[in-house]
C-alpha atoms as a PDB file:
ATOM      1  CA  MET A   1       0.000   0.000   0.000  1.00  0.00           C
ATOM      2  CA  ILE A   2       2.804   2.420   0.866  1.00  0.00           C
ATOM      3  CA  GLU A   3       4.596   1.678  -2.412  1.00  0.00           C
ATOM      4  CA  GLU A   4       1.379   2.215  -4.352  1.00  0.00           C
ATOM      5  CA  LEU A   5       0.872   5.527  -2.563  1.00  0.00           C
ATOM      6  CA  TYR A   6       4.468   6.548  -3.323  1.00  0.00           C
ATOM      7  CA  ASN A   7       4.114   5.541  -6.975  1.00  0.00           C
ATOM      8  CA  ASP A   8       0.858   7.517  -7.259  1.00  0.00           C
ATOM      9  CA  ASN A   9      -1.119   4.402  -8.144  1.00  0.00           C
ATOM     10  CA  LEU A  10      -4.011   4.936  -5.758  1.00  0.00           C
ATOM     11  CA  TYR A  11      -7.152   6.409  -7.275  1.00  0.00           C
ATOM     12  CA  PRO A  12      -9.874   6.301  -4.617  1.00  0.00           C
ATOM     13  CA  SER A  13     -12.311   8.404  -6.619  1.00  0.00           C
ATOM     14  CA  ALA A  14     -12.092   5.989  -9.562  1.00  0.00           C
ATOM     15  CA  ARG A  15     -12.735   2.958  -7.359  1.00  0.00           C
ATOM     16  CA  ILE A  16     -15.658   4.263  -5.337  1.00  0.00           C
ATOM     17  CA  VAL A  17     -19.032   3.252  -6.730  1.00  0.00           C
ATOM     18  CA  SER A  18     -22.201   3.611  -4.722  1.00  0.00           C
ATOM     19  CA  LYS A  19     -23.727   0.396  -3.450  1.00  0.00           C
ATOM     20  CA  ASP A  20     -27.093   2.079  -3.064  1.00  0.00           C
ATOM     21  CA  PRO A  21     -29.681  -0.055  -4.874  1.00  0.00           C
ATOM     22  CA  ASN A  22     -31.134   3.078  -6.508  1.00  0.00           C
ATOM     23  CA  TYR A  23     -27.813   4.128  -8.057  1.00  0.00           C
ATOM     24  CA  ARG A  24     -28.239   2.512 -11.487  1.00  0.00           C
ATOM     25  CA  GLU A  25     -31.911   3.432 -11.670  1.00  0.00           C
ATOM     26  CA  THR A  26     -31.087   7.070 -10.946  1.00  0.00           C
ATOM     27  CA  GLY A  27     -28.373   7.040 -13.602  1.00  0.00           C
ATOM     28  CA  GLY A  28     -30.862   5.701 -16.114  1.00  0.00           C
ATOM     29  CA  LYS A  29     -33.357   8.439 -15.231  1.00  0.00           C
ATOM     30  CA  ILE A  30     -30.659  11.073 -15.723  1.00  0.00           C
ATOM     31  CA  ASN A  31     -29.835   9.639 -19.162  1.00  0.00           C
ATOM     32  CA  ASP A  32     -33.523   9.546 -20.123  1.00  0.00           C
ATOM     33  CA  LEU A  33     -34.088  13.156 -19.021  1.00  0.00           C
ATOM     34  CA  MET A  34     -30.981  14.350 -20.840  1.00  0.00           C
ATOM     35  CA  ALA A  35     -32.261  12.704 -24.032  1.00  0.00           C
ATOM     36  CA  GLU A  36     -35.606  14.468 -23.559  1.00  0.00           C
ATOM     37  CA  TRP A  37     -33.928  17.839 -23.071  1.00  0.00           C
ATOM     38  CA  LYS A  38     -31.687  17.260 -26.086  1.00  0.00           C
ATOM     39  CA  ALA A  39     -34.791  16.664 -28.223  1.00  0.00           C
ATOM     40  CA  LYS A  40     -36.566  19.772 -26.891  1.00  0.00           C
ATOM     41  CA  LEU A  41     -33.733  22.308 -26.873  1.00  0.00           C
ATOM     42  CA  THR A  42     -31.721  23.873 -29.631  1.00  0.00           C
ATOM     43  CA  GLN A  43     -28.171  22.567 -29.858  1.00  0.00           C
ATOM     44  CA  GLU A  44     -26.898  25.847 -28.379  1.00  0.00           C
ATOM     45  CA  ASP A  45     -29.307  25.651 -25.418  1.00  0.00           C
ATOM     46  CA  TYR A  46     -28.518  21.981 -24.872  1.00  0.00           C
ATOM     47  CA  ASP A  47     -24.793  22.763 -24.885  1.00  0.00           C
ATOM     48  CA  LYS A  48     -25.437  25.407 -22.196  1.00  0.00           C
ATOM     49  CA  LEU A  49     -27.318  22.836 -20.120  1.00  0.00           C
ATOM     50  CA  VAL A  50     -24.406  20.405 -20.449  1.00  0.00           C
ATOM     51  CA  GLU A  51     -21.999  23.195 -19.455  1.00  0.00           C
ATOM     52  CA  LEU A  52     -24.118  23.921 -16.355  1.00  0.00           C
ATOM     53  CA  LEU A  53     -24.133  20.242 -15.412  1.00  0.00           C
ATOM     54  CA  ASP A  54     -20.360  20.068 -15.947  1.00  0.00           C
ATOM     55  CA  TYR A  55     -19.903  22.948 -13.485  1.00  0.00           C
ATOM     56  CA  HIS A  56     -22.201  21.196 -11.027  1.00  0.00           C
ATOM     57  CA  HIS A  57     -20.196  17.984 -11.443  1.00  0.00           C
ATOM     58  CA  SER A  58     -16.943  19.882 -10.824  1.00  0.00           C
ATOM     59  CA  MET A  59     -18.325  21.351  -7.604  1.00  0.00           C
ATOM     60  CA  HIS A  60     -19.497  17.906  -6.516  1.00  0.00           C
ATOM     61  CA  ASP A  61     -15.979  16.547  -7.150  1.00  0.00           C
ATOM     62  CA  MET A  62     -14.522  19.345  -4.996  1.00  0.00           C
ATOM     63  CA  ASP A  63     -16.977  18.540  -2.202  1.00  0.00           C
ATOM     64  CA  THR A  64     -16.196  14.834  -2.461  1.00  0.00           C
ATOM     65  CA  ALA A  65     -12.437  15.474  -2.296  1.00  0.00           C
ATOM     66  CA  ALA A  66     -12.908  17.704   0.760  1.00  0.00           C
ATOM     67  CA  SER A  67     -15.117  15.063   2.421  1.00  0.00           C
ATOM     68  CA  PHE A  68     -12.543  12.361   1.709  1.00  0.00           C
ATOM     69  CA  ALA A  69      -9.739  14.483   3.177  1.00  0.00           C
ATOM     70  CA  TYR A  70     -11.834  15.321   6.250  1.00  0.00           C
ATOM     71  CA  GLY A  71     -12.774  11.672   6.800  1.00  0.00           C
ATOM     72  CA  PHE A  72      -9.180  10.539   6.372  1.00  0.00           C
ATOM     73  CA  LYS A  73      -7.928  13.133   8.867  1.00  0.00           C
ATOM     74  CA  LEU A  74     -10.696  12.268  11.308  1.00  0.00           C
ATOM     75  CA  GLY A  75      -9.884   8.556  11.066  1.00  0.00           C
ATOM     76  CA  ALA A  76      -6.167   9.219  11.528  1.00  0.00           C
ATOM     77  CA  SER A  77      -6.899  11.448  14.536  1.00  0.00           C
ATOM     78  CA  ILE A  78      -9.013   8.711  16.090  1.00  0.00           C
ATOM     79  CA  MET A  79      -6.220   6.189  15.512  1.00  0.00           C
ATOM     80  CA  LEU A  80      -3.683   8.520  17.134  1.00  0.00           C
ATOM     81  CA  GLU A  81      -5.921   8.910  20.155  1.00  0.00           C
ATOM     82  CA  VAL A  82      -6.357   5.145  20.386  1.00  0.00           C
ATOM     83  CA  PHE A  83      -2.624   4.459  20.129  1.00  0.00           C
ATOM     84  CA  GLU A  84      -1.680   7.259  22.521  1.00  0.00           C
ATOM     85  CA  GLY A  85      -4.108   5.946  25.120  1.00  0.00           C
ATOM     86  CA  GLN A  86      -3.588   2.233  24.566  1.00  0.00           C
ATOM     87  CA  GLY A  87      -1.506   1.990  27.729  1.00  0.00           C
ATOM     88  CA  ASP A  88      -4.545   3.163  29.669  1.00  0.00           C
ATOM     89  CA  LEU A  89      -6.431   0.104  28.520  1.00  0.00           C
ATOM     90  CA  ILE A  90      -3.881  -2.478  29.611  1.00  0.00           C
ATOM     91  CA  ARG A  91      -3.576  -3.223  33.300  1.00  0.00           C
ATOM     92  CA  PRO A  92      -0.048  -4.150  34.374  1.00  0.00           C
ATOM     93  CA  ARG A  93       0.293  -7.738  35.643  1.00  0.00           C
ATOM     94  CA  ASN A  94       1.645  -6.703  39.040  1.00  0.00           C
ATOM     95  CA  GLU A  95      -1.518  -4.799  39.988  1.00  0.00           C
END
């Protein structure tokens, strides 16, 4: 794992896929709605819609990266607290 991290071979965002049972269904609905909008709008208007959705996707990616970093730091902080206090959990044999 450390070598993979060093070699920049870890891509958490590419490996994370929702296990929510509604995930695929929601994706299908998005595709269906986009096809409807493409049929209703001019190409220029549709391109603007796609641009808007691209900006929304970019913001979502930023939020996801910030959430990942926060969760990682929180988990590491918890581990530090556990390891720093592990002596408190073990009673010496001579007591």
